[in-house]
PDB file of N, CA and C in Angstrom:
ATOM      1  N   UNK A   1     117.984 -87.975-219.439  1.00  0.00           N
ATOM      2  CA  UNK A   1     117.478 -89.294-219.813  1.00  0.00           C
ATOM      3  C   UNK A   1     116.353 -89.201-219.611  1.00  0.00           C
ATOM      4  N   UNK A   2     115.532 -89.827-220.635  1.00  0.00           N
ATOM      5  CA  UNK A   2     114.359 -90.439-220.722  1.00  0.00           C
ATOM      6  C   UNK A   2     114.263 -91.511-222.035  1.00  0.00           C
ATOM      7  N   UNK A   3     112.665 -92.150-221.689  1.00  0.00           N
ATOM      8  CA  UNK A   3     112.213 -93.353-222.437  1.00  0.00           C
ATOM      9  C   UNK A   3     111.515 -93.492-222.828  1.00  0.00           C
ATOM     10  N   UNK A   4     111.149 -94.000-224.134  1.00  0.00           N
ATOM     11  CA  UNK A   4     110.605 -93.944-225.628  1.00  0.00           C
ATOM     12  C   UNK A   4     110.086 -95.701-225.715  1.00  0.00           C
ATOM     13  N   UNK A   5     108.358 -95.315-225.098  1.00  0.00           N
ATOM     14  CA  UNK A   5     108.246 -96.769-225.391  1.00  0.00           C
ATOM     15  C   UNK A   5     107.457 -96.926-226.985  1.00  0.00           C
ATOM     16  N   UNK A   6     108.019 -97.935-227.699  1.00  0.00           N
ATOM     17  CA  UNK A   6     107.353 -98.427-228.359  1.00  0.00           C
ATOM     18  C   UNK A   6     106.269 -99.483-228.569  1.00  0.00           C
ATOM     19  N   UNK A   7     104.793 -99.335-229.454  1.00  0.00           N
ATOM     20  CA  UNK A   7     103.529-100.537-229.510  1.00  0.00           C
ATOM     21  C   UNK A   7     103.998-100.483-230.293  1.00  0.00           C
ATOM     22  N   UNK A   8     104.517-102.401-231.731  1.00  0.00           N
ATOM     23  CA  UNK A   8     104.163-101.854-233.210  1.00  0.00           C
ATOM     24  C   UNK A   8     103.704-102.754-233.422  1.00  0.00           C
ATOM     25  N   UNK A   9     103.109-102.405-235.063  1.00  0.00           N
ATOM     26  CA  UNK A   9     102.035-103.277-234.966  1.00  0.00           C
ATOM     27  C   UNK A   9     101.624-102.875-236.647  1.00  0.00           C
ATOM     28  N   UNK A  10     101.272-103.564-236.972  1.00  0.00           N
ATOM     29  CA  UNK A  10     101.359-103.826-239.048  1.00  0.00           C
ATOM     30  C   UNK A  10     101.878-102.634-239.625  1.00  0.00           C
ATOM     31  N   UNK A  11     100.520-102.075-239.730  1.00  0.00           N
ATOM     32  CA  UNK A  11     100.914-100.340-240.542  1.00  0.00           C
ATOM     33  C   UNK A  11     101.241 -99.010-239.583  1.00  0.00           C
ATOM     34  N   UNK A  12     101.211 -99.072-238.421  1.00  0.00           N
ATOM     35  CA  UNK A  12     101.572 -97.976-237.249  1.00  0.00           C
ATOM     36  C   UNK A  12     101.564 -98.446-235.962  1.00  0.00           C
ATOM     37  N   UNK A  13     102.774 -97.676-235.582  1.00  0.00           N
ATOM     38  CA  UNK A  13     103.411 -97.742-234.346  1.00  0.00           C
ATOM     39  C   UNK A  13     102.878 -96.433-233.339  1.00  0.00           C
ATOM     40  N   UNK A  14     102.478 -96.796-231.864  1.00  0.00           N
ATOM     41  CA  UNK A  14     102.253 -95.899-231.016  1.00  0.00           C
ATOM     42  C   UNK A  14     103.511 -95.671-230.323  1.00  0.00           C
ATOM     43  N   UNK A  15     103.207 -94.163-230.549  1.00  0.00           N
ATOM     44  CA  UNK A  15     105.135 -93.969-229.017  1.00  0.00           C
ATOM     45  C   UNK A  15     104.879 -93.122-228.113  1.00  0.00           C
ATOM     46  N   UNK A  16     104.993 -92.822-226.928  1.00  0.00           N
ATOM     47  CA  UNK A  16     105.154 -91.914-225.856  1.00  0.00           C
ATOM     48  C   UNK A  16     106.672 -92.176-225.441  1.00  0.00           C
ATOM     49  N   UNK A  17     106.454 -91.154-224.350  1.00  0.00           N
ATOM     50  CA  UNK A  17     108.275 -90.427-223.939  1.00  0.00           C
ATOM     51  C   UNK A  17     108.031 -90.028-222.654  1.00  0.00           C
ATOM     52  N   UNK A  18     108.935 -90.679-221.544  1.00  0.00           N
ATOM     53  CA  UNK A  18     108.672 -90.073-220.530  1.00  0.00           C
ATOM     54  C   UNK A  18     110.392 -90.525-219.868  1.00  0.00           C
ATOM     55  N   UNK A  19     110.143 -88.955-218.890  1.00  0.00           N
ATOM     56  CA  UNK A  19     111.044 -88.898-218.259  1.00  0.00           C
ATOM     57  C   UNK A  19     111.334 -89.715-216.771  1.00  0.00           C
ATOM     58  N   UNK A  20     112.178 -90.129-216.202  1.00  0.00           N
ATOM     59  CA  UNK A  20     112.041 -90.422-214.537  1.00  0.00           C
ATOM     60  C   UNK A  20     111.081 -90.121-213.299  1.00  0.00           C
ATOM     61  N   UNK A  21     110.634 -90.438-212.313  1.00  0.00           N
ATOM     62  CA  UNK A  21     109.530 -90.505-212.315  1.00  0.00           C
ATOM     63  C   UNK A  21     107.967 -90.043-212.541  1.00  0.00           C
ATOM     64  N   UNK A  22     107.538 -90.010-213.698  1.00  0.00           N
ATOM     65  CA  UNK A  22     106.797 -90.501-214.546  1.00  0.00           C
ATOM     66  C   UNK A  22     106.988 -89.122-215.600  1.00  0.00           C
ATOM     67  N   UNK A  23     107.619 -87.874-215.355  1.00  0.00           N
ATOM     68  CA  UNK A  23     107.035 -86.456-216.151  1.00  0.00           C
ATOM     69  C   UNK A  23     106.968 -87.776-217.585  1.00  0.00           C
ATOM     70  N   UNK A  24     105.553 -86.648-218.712  1.00  0.00           N
ATOM     71  CA  UNK A  24     104.812 -86.989-219.666  1.00  0.00           C
ATOM     72  C   UNK A  24     105.765 -86.040-220.693  1.00  0.00           C
ATOM     73  N   UNK A  25     106.694 -86.407-221.476  1.00  0.00           N
ATOM     74  CA  UNK A  25     107.157 -85.291-222.359  1.00  0.00           C
ATOM     75  C   UNK A  25     106.808 -85.722-223.624  1.00  0.00           C
ATOM     76  N   UNK A  26     105.618 -86.873-224.577  1.00  0.00           N
ATOM     77  CA  UNK A  26     105.163 -87.209-225.118  1.00  0.00           C
ATOM     78  C   UNK A  26     104.172 -88.307-225.365  1.00  0.00           C
ATOM     79  N   UNK A  27     102.835 -87.269-225.017  1.00  0.00           N
ATOM     80  CA  UNK A  27     101.656 -88.309-224.899  1.00  0.00           C
ATOM     81  C   UNK A  27     101.731 -89.279-225.838  1.00  0.00           C
ATOM     82  N   UNK A  28     100.559 -90.458-225.462  1.00  0.00           N
ATOM     83  CA  UNK A  28     100.996 -91.490-226.747  1.00  0.00           C
ATOM     84  C   UNK A  28     100.357 -90.947-227.878  1.00  0.00           C
ATOM     85  N   UNK A  29     100.811 -91.553-229.656  1.00  0.00           N
ATOM     86  CA  UNK A  29     101.000 -91.167-230.559  1.00  0.00           C
ATOM     87  C   UNK A  29     101.208 -91.735-231.330  1.00  0.00           C
ATOM     88  N   UNK A  30     100.243 -91.965-232.333  1.00  0.00           N
ATOM     89  CA  UNK A  30     100.158 -92.933-233.537  1.00  0.00           C
ATOM     90  C   UNK A  30     101.314 -92.508-234.753  1.00  0.00           C
ATOM     91  N   UNK A  31     102.302 -93.298-235.074  1.00  0.00           N
ATOM     92  CA  UNK A  31     103.283 -93.220-236.210  1.00  0.00           C
ATOM     93  C   UNK A  31     102.885 -93.954-237.748  1.00  0.00           C
ATOM     94  N   UNK A  32     102.212 -93.684-238.458  1.00  0.00           N
ATOM     95  CA  UNK A  32     101.940 -94.252-239.845  1.00  0.00           C
ATOM     96  C   UNK A  32     103.890 -94.957-239.960  1.00  0.00           C
ATOM     97  N   UNK A  33     104.001 -96.106-240.820  1.00  0.00           N
ATOM     98  CA  UNK A  33     105.301 -96.611-241.106  1.00  0.00           C
ATOM     99  C   UNK A  33     105.590 -95.754-242.545  1.00  0.00           C
ATOM    100  N   UNK A  34     105.068 -94.686-242.609  1.00  0.00           N
ATOM    101  CA  UNK A  34     105.631 -94.025-243.928  1.00  0.00           C
ATOM    102  C   UNK A  34     106.556 -93.056-243.813  1.00  0.00           C
ATOM    103  N   UNK A  35     107.516 -93.403-244.539  1.00  0.00           N
ATOM    104  CA  UNK A  35     108.800 -92.375-244.441  1.00  0.00           C
ATOM    105  C   UNK A  35     108.576 -91.140-243.820  1.00  0.00           C
ATOM    106  N   UNK A  36     107.751 -89.866-244.068  1.00  0.00           N
ATOM    107  CA  UNK A  36     107.093 -88.704-243.439  1.00  0.00           C
ATOM    108  C   UNK A  36     106.752 -89.123-242.229  1.00  0.00           C
ATOM    109  N   UNK A  37     105.849 -89.922-241.856  1.00  0.00           N
ATOM    110  CA  UNK A  37     105.789 -90.338-240.167  1.00  0.00           C
ATOM    111  C   UNK A  37     107.022 -90.474-239.405  1.00  0.00           C
ATOM    112  N   UNK A  38     107.961 -91.411-240.095  1.00  0.00           N
ATOM    113  CA  UNK A  38     109.124 -91.775-239.502  1.00  0.00           C
ATOM    114  C   UNK A  38     109.659 -90.722-238.920  1.00  0.00           C
ATOM    115  N   UNK A  39     109.823 -89.791-240.461  1.00  0.00           N
ATOM    116  CA  UNK A  39     111.034 -88.496-240.222  1.00  0.00           C
ATOM    117  C   UNK A  39     110.706 -87.570-239.156  1.00  0.00           C
ATOM    118  N   UNK A  40     109.083 -87.387-239.087  1.00  0.00           N
ATOM    119  CA  UNK A  40     108.234 -86.844-238.337  1.00  0.00           C
ATOM    120  C   UNK A  40     108.458 -87.240-237.193  1.00  0.00           C
ATOM    121  N   UNK A  41     108.898 -88.377-236.398  1.00  0.00           N
ATOM    122  CA  UNK A  41     109.448 -88.998-234.880  1.00  0.00           C
ATOM    123  C   UNK A  41     110.297 -88.869-234.867  1.00  0.00           C
ATOM    124  N   UNK A  42     111.464 -88.947-235.684  1.00  0.00           N
ATOM    125  CA  UNK A  42     112.720 -88.649-235.697  1.00  0.00           C
ATOM    126  C   UNK A  42     113.282 -86.981-234.951  1.00  0.00           C
ATOM    127  N   UNK A  43     112.620 -86.666-235.664  1.00  0.00           N
ATOM    128  CA  UNK A  43     112.891 -84.833-235.344  1.00  0.00           C
ATOM    129  C   UNK A  43     112.076 -84.534-233.946  1.00  0.00           C
ATOM    130  N   UNK A  44     110.828 -84.823-233.750  1.00  0.00           N
ATOM    131  CA  UNK A  44     110.090 -85.252-232.482  1.00  0.00           C
ATOM    132  C   UNK A  44     111.639 -85.353-231.671  1.00  0.00           C
ATOM    133  N   UNK A  45     112.032 -86.977-231.153  1.00  0.00           N
ATOM    134  CA  UNK A  45     113.130 -87.341-230.598  1.00  0.00           C
ATOM    135  C   UNK A  45     113.727 -86.524-230.257  1.00  0.00           C
ATOM    136  N   UNK A  46     114.419 -85.648-231.323  1.00  0.00           N
ATOM    137  CA  UNK A  46     115.915 -85.294-231.837  1.00  0.00           C
ATOM    138  C   UNK A  46     115.784 -83.958-230.833  1.00  0.00           C
ATOM    139  N   UNK A  47     114.497 -83.267-230.427  1.00  0.00           N
ATOM    140  CA  UNK A  47     114.689 -81.689-229.727  1.00  0.00           C
ATOM    141  C   UNK A  47     115.052 -81.510-228.614  1.00  0.00           C
ATOM    142  N   UNK A  48     114.779 -83.126-227.606  1.00  0.00           N
ATOM    143  CA  UNK A  48     115.143 -83.134-226.264  1.00  0.00           C
ATOM    144  C   UNK A  48     116.743 -83.348-226.110  1.00  0.00           C
ATOM    145  N   UNK A  49     117.295 -83.950-226.972  1.00  0.00           N
ATOM    146  CA  UNK A  49     119.060 -83.480-227.122  1.00  0.00           C
ATOM    147  C   UNK A  49     119.677 -84.161-225.407  1.00  0.00           C
ATOM    148  N   UNK A  50     119.454 -84.858-225.411  1.00  0.00           N
ATOM    149  CA  UNK A  50     119.529 -85.904-224.617  1.00  0.00           C
ATOM    150  C   UNK A  50     119.431 -87.575-224.284  1.00  0.00           C
ATOM    151  N   UNK A  51     120.637 -87.960-223.688  1.00  0.00           N
ATOM    152  CA  UNK A  51     119.930 -89.076-224.065  1.00  0.00           C
ATOM    153  C   UNK A  51     118.683 -89.757-223.735  1.00  0.00           C
ATOM    154  N   UNK A  52     118.709 -91.219-224.461  1.00  0.00           N
ATOM    155  CA  UNK A  52     117.565 -91.433-225.444  1.00  0.00           C
ATOM    156  C   UNK A  52     117.639 -92.979-224.966  1.00  0.00           C
ATOM    157  N   UNK A  53     116.285 -94.079-224.020  1.00  0.00           N
ATOM    158  CA  UNK A  53     116.265 -95.373-224.029  1.00  0.00           C
ATOM    159  C   UNK A  53     114.760 -95.510-224.354  1.00  0.00           C
ATOM    160  N   UNK A  54     115.784 -96.665-226.090  1.00  0.00           N
ATOM    161  CA  UNK A  54     114.206 -96.841-226.348  1.00  0.00           C
ATOM    162  C   UNK A  54     113.830 -97.973-226.027  1.00  0.00           C
ATOM    163  N   UNK A  55     112.424 -98.556-226.027  1.00  0.00           N
ATOM    164  CA  UNK A  55     111.712 -99.738-225.314  1.00  0.00           C
ATOM    165  C   UNK A  55     110.150-100.332-226.619  1.00  0.00           C
ATOM    166  N   UNK A  56     111.509-101.309-227.710  1.00  0.00           N
ATOM    167  CA  UNK A  56     109.672-101.249-228.800  1.00  0.00           C
ATOM    168  C   UNK A  56     109.714-102.996-228.324  1.00  0.00           C
ATOM    169  N   UNK A  57     108.396-103.278-228.551  1.00  0.00           N
ATOM    170  CA  UNK A  57     108.305-104.869-228.880  1.00  0.00           C
ATOM    171  C   UNK A  57     108.853-105.280-229.416  1.00  0.00           C
ATOM    172  N   UNK A  58     108.969-106.598-229.460  1.00  0.00           N
ATOM    173  CA  UNK A  58     109.785-107.620-230.894  1.00  0.00           C
ATOM    174  C   UNK A  58     108.761-107.335-231.673  1.00  0.00           C
ATOM    175  N   UNK A  59     107.712-107.532-232.617  1.00  0.00           N
ATOM    176  CA  UNK A  59     106.883-108.114-233.490  1.00  0.00           C
ATOM    177  C   UNK A  59     107.292-108.552-234.907  1.00  0.00           C
ATOM    178  N   UNK A  60     109.083-109.220-234.568  1.00  0.00           N
ATOM    179  CA  UNK A  60     109.094-110.077-236.541  1.00  0.00           C
ATOM    180  C   UNK A  60     109.126-108.605-237.219  1.00  0.00           C
ATOM    181  N   UNK A  61     108.760-108.855-238.350  1.00  0.00           N
ATOM    182  CA  UNK A  61     109.293-107.925-239.290  1.00  0.00           C
ATOM    183  C   UNK A  61     108.767-106.505-239.647  1.00  0.00           C
ATOM    184  N   UNK A  62     107.800-106.229-238.624  1.00  0.00           N
ATOM    185  CA  UNK A  62     107.373-105.299-238.429  1.00  0.00           C
ATOM    186  C   UNK A  62     107.789-104.130-237.392  1.00  0.00           C
ATOM    187  N   UNK A  63     108.850-104.483-237.131  1.00  0.00           N
ATOM    188  CA  UNK A  63     109.921-103.488-235.870  1.00  0.00           C
ATOM    189  C   UNK A  63     110.903-102.947-237.551  1.00  0.00           C
ATOM    190  N   UNK A  64     111.658-103.502-238.195  1.00  0.00           N
ATOM    191  CA  UNK A  64     112.427-103.240-239.085  1.00  0.00           C
ATOM    192  C   UNK A  64     111.590-101.779-239.696  1.00  0.00           C
ATOM    193  N   UNK A  65     111.099-101.464-239.846  1.00  0.00           N
ATOM    194  CA  UNK A  65     110.804 -99.785-240.641  1.00  0.00           C
ATOM    195  C   UNK A  65     111.653 -99.482-239.536  1.00  0.00           C
ATOM    196  N   UNK A  66     111.283 -99.135-237.947  1.00  0.00           N
ATOM    197  CA  UNK A  66     111.230 -98.523-236.821  1.00  0.00           C
ATOM    198  C   UNK A  66     113.079 -98.505-236.523  1.00  0.00           C
ATOM    199  N   UNK A  67     113.680 -99.940-237.143  1.00  0.00           N
ATOM    200  CA  UNK A  67     115.085 -99.960-236.601  1.00  0.00           C
ATOM    201  C   UNK A  67     115.807 -99.091-237.276  1.00  0.00           C
ATOM    202  N   UNK A  68     115.578 -98.953-238.661  1.00  0.00           N
ATOM    203  CA  UNK A  68     116.211 -98.536-239.547  1.00  0.00           C
ATOM    204  C   UNK A  68     115.923 -96.560-240.064  1.00  0.00           C
ATOM    205  N   UNK A  69     114.571 -96.566-239.452  1.00  0.00           N
ATOM    206  CA  UNK A  69     114.791 -95.044-239.241  1.00  0.00           C
ATOM    207  C   UNK A  69     115.242 -94.072-237.992  1.00  0.00           C
ATOM    208  N   UNK A  70     115.556 -95.049-237.091  1.00  0.00           N
ATOM    209  CA  UNK A  70     115.626 -93.955-235.434  1.00  0.00           C
ATOM    210  C   UNK A  70     116.275 -94.552-235.098  1.00  0.00           C
TER     211      UNK A  70
END
């Protein structure tokens, strides 16, 4: 199991992934709210083949595109 933190803003989100005890799987990286970038995010997270806990900032309408993609 690992956790993904997503800081959501208007045109992009910053995403990072860690395992318990702080092992960094994915350093903070920006993903634009475009189909290509969100597909890339899903592909990067899918490669780990384990349970994922996603923590996402609630920012109204800006989270909608992420919720649909992930």
